[in-house]
Amino acid sequence: MRIVNIHEAKTHLSRLVREAADGAPFVIARSGAPLVKVVPLNEPVAPPTPSRTGFYPGIRSVSAAEHAELDDEIAGLLLAEPISPDADPD
């Protein structure tokens, strides 16, 4: 197995990683002492799928009238006086 020093690894990292991915693992050493072994992954790692905030299947658009109605309802809930746990219900 090929042993490369840290300076060589930093200088040629792209090429070394490409070679390791193609099946040629290598060891990075400092002052001749092995530190890490670079080997290819068994399975390729899929890139993460980007999230699209606010985009969910089955959600529909809300008309301006419905939006205004919901705004009033939400405002009423937010501005209502909080209910005390000790309050006696009427």
N, C-alpha and C. Protein backbone atom coordinates (compact mmCIF):
# COMPACT_ATOMS: atom_id res chain seq x y z
N MET A 1 0.86 -1.17 0.00
CA MET A 1 0.00 0.00 0.00
C MET A 1 0.90 1.24 0.00
N ARG A 2 0.50 2.20 -0.74
CA ARG A 2 1.28 3.43 -0.89
C ARG A 2 1.20 4.27 0.39
N ILE A 3 2.35 4.82 0.80
CA ILE A 3 2.40 5.72 1.96
C ILE A 3 2.84 7.08 1.45
N VAL A 4 2.06 8.11 1.80
CA VAL A 4 2.39 9.48 1.40
C VAL A 4 2.49 10.34 2.65
N ASN A 5 3.41 11.31 2.61
CA ASN A 5 3.52 12.19 3.77
C ASN A 5 2.43 13.26 3.69
N ILE A 6 2.22 13.97 4.78
CA ILE A 6 1.14 14.94 4.85
C ILE A 6 1.31 16.03 3.79
N HIS A 7 2.50 16.52 3.59
CA HIS A 7 2.72 17.58 2.61
C HIS A 7 2.32 17.11 1.21
N GLU A 8 2.73 15.92 0.84
CA GLU A 8 2.35 15.37 -0.48
C GLU A 8 0.84 15.18 -0.57
N ALA A 9 0.23 14.72 0.51
CA ALA A 9 -1.22 14.51 0.51
C ALA A 9 -1.96 15.83 0.33
N LYS A 10 -1.50 16.89 0.99
CA LYS A 10 -2.15 18.20 0.84
C LYS A 10 -1.97 18.73 -0.58
N THR A 11 -0.79 18.52 -1.13
CA THR A 11 -0.49 19.03 -2.47
C THR A 11 -1.28 18.30 -3.55
N HIS A 12 -1.45 17.00 -3.39
CA HIS A 12 -2.06 16.18 -4.44
C HIS A 12 -3.34 15.49 -3.97
N LEU A 13 -4.07 16.12 -3.06
CA LEU A 13 -5.23 15.46 -2.45
C LEU A 13 -6.28 15.03 -3.48
N SER A 14 -6.62 15.88 -4.43
CA SER A 14 -7.65 15.52 -5.42
C SER A 14 -7.28 14.26 -6.17
N ARG A 15 -6.03 14.20 -6.63
CA ARG A 15 -5.58 13.02 -7.39
C ARG A 15 -5.55 11.78 -6.50
N LEU A 16 -5.05 11.92 -5.28
CA LEU A 16 -4.99 10.78 -4.37
C LEU A 16 -6.38 10.24 -4.03
N VAL A 17 -7.32 11.15 -3.78
CA VAL A 17 -8.69 10.71 -3.47
C VAL A 17 -9.31 10.01 -4.67
N ARG A 18 -9.10 10.56 -5.86
CA ARG A 18 -9.63 9.93 -7.07
C ARG A 18 -9.05 8.52 -7.23
N GLU A 19 -7.75 8.37 -6.99
CA GLU A 19 -7.11 7.05 -7.09
C GLU A 19 -7.66 6.10 -6.03
N ALA A 20 -7.86 6.60 -4.81
CA ALA A 20 -8.42 5.76 -3.75
C ALA A 20 -9.83 5.32 -4.10
N ALA A 21 -10.63 6.22 -4.66
CA ALA A 21 -11.99 5.88 -5.07
C ALA A 21 -11.99 4.83 -6.17
N ASP A 22 -10.93 4.82 -6.98
CA ASP A 22 -10.81 3.82 -8.05
C ASP A 22 -10.20 2.52 -7.56
N GLY A 23 -9.95 2.39 -6.27
CA GLY A 23 -9.49 1.13 -5.70
C GLY A 23 -8.04 1.09 -5.29
N ALA A 24 -7.36 2.23 -5.18
CA ALA A 24 -5.97 2.26 -4.75
C ALA A 24 -5.85 3.02 -3.43
N PRO A 25 -6.15 2.33 -2.30
CA PRO A 25 -6.08 3.01 -1.01
C PRO A 25 -4.65 3.45 -0.69
N PHE A 26 -4.52 4.40 0.21
CA PHE A 26 -3.19 4.86 0.61
C PHE A 26 -3.21 5.26 2.08
N VAL A 27 -2.01 5.42 2.63
CA VAL A 27 -1.84 5.79 4.03
C VAL A 27 -1.16 7.16 4.06
N ILE A 28 -1.66 8.04 4.93
CA ILE A 28 -1.02 9.33 5.14
C ILE A 28 -0.19 9.21 6.41
N ALA A 29 1.08 9.64 6.30
CA ALA A 29 2.01 9.51 7.42
C ALA A 29 2.61 10.87 7.77
N ARG A 30 3.01 11.01 9.03
CA ARG A 30 3.73 12.20 9.49
C ARG A 30 5.08 11.71 10.01
N SER A 31 6.14 12.22 9.44
CA SER A 31 7.51 11.82 9.80
C SER A 31 7.67 10.30 9.72
N GLY A 32 7.03 9.70 8.73
CA GLY A 32 7.15 8.26 8.51
C GLY A 32 6.21 7.41 9.36
N ALA A 33 5.51 8.02 10.32
CA ALA A 33 4.58 7.27 11.17
C ALA A 33 3.18 7.34 10.57
N PRO A 34 2.57 6.17 10.27
CA PRO A 34 1.23 6.15 9.67
C PRO A 34 0.20 6.82 10.60
N LEU A 35 -0.66 7.67 10.00
CA LEU A 35 -1.71 8.35 10.76
C LEU A 35 -3.10 7.88 10.37
N VAL A 36 -3.39 7.89 9.07
CA VAL A 36 -4.72 7.50 8.60
C VAL A 36 -4.60 6.69 7.32
N LYS A 37 -5.63 5.89 7.09
CA LYS A 37 -5.72 5.09 5.87
C LYS A 37 -6.92 5.60 5.08
N VAL A 38 -6.72 5.90 3.80
CA VAL A 38 -7.81 6.38 2.94
C VAL A 38 -8.20 5.24 2.02
N VAL A 39 -9.47 4.82 2.14
CA VAL A 39 -9.98 3.70 1.33
C VAL A 39 -11.30 4.11 0.69
N PRO A 40 -11.66 3.47 -0.43
CA PRO A 40 -12.94 3.81 -1.06
C PRO A 40 -14.12 3.30 -0.24
N LEU A 41 -15.24 3.99 -0.35
CA LEU A 41 -16.47 3.53 0.30
C LEU A 41 -17.04 2.37 -0.50
N ASN A 42 -17.70 1.44 0.18
CA ASN A 42 -18.30 0.30 -0.52
C ASN A 42 -19.48 0.72 -1.38
N GLU A 43 -20.26 1.65 -0.86
CA GLU A 43 -21.44 2.11 -1.58
C GLU A 43 -21.31 3.61 -1.82
N PRO A 44 -21.66 4.05 -3.00
CA PRO A 44 -21.61 5.50 -3.23
C PRO A 44 -22.63 6.21 -2.36
N VAL A 45 -22.24 7.36 -1.88
CA VAL A 45 -23.13 8.16 -1.03
C VAL A 45 -23.92 9.10 -1.92
N ALA A 46 -25.24 9.00 -1.82
CA ALA A 46 -26.11 9.86 -2.63
C ALA A 46 -26.07 11.27 -2.07
N PRO A 47 -26.07 12.27 -2.94
CA PRO A 47 -26.09 13.65 -2.44
C PRO A 47 -27.43 13.92 -1.76
N PRO A 48 -27.42 14.76 -0.73
CA PRO A 48 -28.68 15.05 -0.04
C PRO A 48 -29.65 15.76 -0.98
N THR A 49 -30.91 15.41 -0.84
CA THR A 49 -31.92 16.07 -1.66
C THR A 49 -32.26 17.41 -1.04
N PRO A 50 -32.29 18.44 -1.84
CA PRO A 50 -32.59 19.77 -1.28
C PRO A 50 -34.03 19.83 -0.81
N SER A 51 -34.22 20.50 0.32
CA SER A 51 -35.58 20.64 0.82
C SER A 51 -36.20 21.89 0.21
N ARG A 52 -37.48 21.82 -0.01
CA ARG A 52 -38.22 22.95 -0.56
C ARG A 52 -39.25 23.35 0.48
N THR A 53 -38.91 24.33 1.27
CA THR A 53 -39.79 24.79 2.33
C THR A 53 -41.12 25.25 1.76
N GLY A 54 -42.20 24.78 2.37
CA GLY A 54 -43.53 25.21 1.95
C GLY A 54 -44.09 24.40 0.79
N PHE A 55 -43.38 23.38 0.34
CA PHE A 55 -43.86 22.58 -0.78
C PHE A 55 -44.12 21.16 -0.28
N TYR A 56 -45.39 20.84 -0.11
CA TYR A 56 -45.77 19.52 0.36
C TYR A 56 -46.86 18.98 -0.54
N PRO A 57 -46.80 17.69 -0.87
CA PRO A 57 -47.84 17.12 -1.71
C PRO A 57 -49.20 17.20 -1.01
N GLY A 58 -50.22 17.51 -1.75
CA GLY A 58 -51.57 17.54 -1.21
C GLY A 58 -51.99 18.88 -0.64
N ILE A 59 -51.08 19.81 -0.51
CA ILE A 59 -51.44 21.13 0.01
C ILE A 59 -51.94 21.97 -1.16
N ARG A 60 -53.03 22.67 -0.94
CA ARG A 60 -53.61 23.46 -2.02
C ARG A 60 -53.39 24.94 -1.77
N SER A 61 -53.61 25.71 -2.78
CA SER A 61 -53.52 27.16 -2.65
C SER A 61 -54.74 27.68 -1.89
N VAL A 62 -54.56 28.79 -1.21
CA VAL A 62 -55.65 29.40 -0.45
C VAL A 62 -56.01 30.70 -1.15
N SER A 63 -57.31 30.88 -1.38
CA SER A 63 -57.77 32.11 -2.03
C SER A 63 -57.58 33.30 -1.09
N ALA A 64 -57.65 34.51 -1.64
CA ALA A 64 -57.49 35.72 -0.84
C ALA A 64 -58.57 35.82 0.23
N ALA A 65 -59.80 35.43 -0.11
CA ALA A 65 -60.90 35.48 0.87
C ALA A 65 -60.64 34.50 2.01
N GLU A 66 -60.23 33.28 1.66
CA GLU A 66 -59.93 32.29 2.70
C GLU A 66 -58.75 32.75 3.56
N HIS A 67 -57.77 33.36 2.92
CA HIS A 67 -56.59 33.85 3.64
C HIS A 67 -57.00 34.91 4.66
N ALA A 68 -57.86 35.84 4.26
CA ALA A 68 -58.32 36.90 5.16
C ALA A 68 -59.10 36.29 6.33
N GLU A 69 -59.93 35.28 6.03
CA GLU A 69 -60.72 34.63 7.07
C GLU A 69 -59.80 33.93 8.07
N LEU A 70 -58.77 33.25 7.53
CA LEU A 70 -57.82 32.57 8.41
C LEU A 70 -57.03 33.58 9.24
N ASP A 71 -56.66 34.71 8.63
CA ASP A 71 -55.94 35.75 9.37
C ASP A 71 -56.77 36.23 10.56
N ASP A 72 -58.07 36.46 10.33
CA ASP A 72 -58.94 36.92 11.41
C ASP A 72 -59.03 35.87 12.51
N GLU A 73 -59.16 34.60 12.12
CA GLU A 73 -59.28 33.52 13.09
C GLU A 73 -58.00 33.39 13.91
N ILE A 74 -56.86 33.44 13.24
CA ILE A 74 -55.58 33.31 13.95
C ILE A 74 -55.35 34.51 14.86
N ALA A 75 -55.67 35.70 14.37
CA ALA A 75 -55.52 36.91 15.20
C ALA A 75 -56.38 36.80 16.44
N GLY A 76 -57.61 36.28 16.29
CA GLY A 76 -58.50 36.11 17.44
C GLY A 76 -57.92 35.14 18.45
N LEU A 77 -57.30 34.08 17.97
CA LEU A 77 -56.70 33.11 18.88
C LEU A 77 -55.48 33.69 19.59
N LEU A 78 -54.69 34.45 18.87
CA LEU A 78 -53.48 35.01 19.46
C LEU A 78 -53.76 36.15 20.42
N LEU A 79 -54.80 36.91 20.15
CA LEU A 79 -55.09 38.08 20.97
C LEU A 79 -56.06 37.79 22.11
N ALA A 80 -56.62 36.59 22.13
CA ALA A 80 -57.55 36.23 23.21
C ALA A 80 -56.80 36.19 24.53
N GLU A 81 -57.52 36.50 25.60
CA GLU A 81 -56.89 36.45 26.92
C GLU A 81 -56.61 35.00 27.27
N PRO A 82 -55.43 34.75 27.84
CA PRO A 82 -55.10 33.38 28.20
C PRO A 82 -56.02 32.85 29.29
N ILE A 83 -56.28 31.58 29.25
CA ILE A 83 -57.13 30.94 30.24
C ILE A 83 -56.26 30.47 31.39
N SER A 84 -56.59 30.92 32.57
CA SER A 84 -55.85 30.53 33.76
C SER A 84 -56.25 29.11 34.14
N PRO A 85 -55.32 28.27 34.50
CA PRO A 85 -55.68 26.90 34.90
C PRO A 85 -56.58 26.88 36.14
N ASP A 86 -56.53 27.93 36.97
CA ASP A 86 -57.34 27.98 38.18
C ASP A 86 -58.69 28.67 37.95
N ALA A 87 -58.92 29.17 36.74
CA ALA A 87 -60.17 29.90 36.47
C ALA A 87 -61.35 28.93 36.51
N ASP A 88 -62.45 29.45 37.03
CA ASP A 88 -63.68 28.66 37.11
C ASP A 88 -64.46 28.85 35.82
N PRO A 89 -64.70 27.76 35.03
CA PRO A 89 -65.42 27.93 33.78
C PRO A 89 -66.88 28.33 34.04
N ASP A 90 -67.41 29.20 33.18
CA ASP A 90 -68.80 29.68 33.33
C ASP A 90 -69.77 28.72 32.73
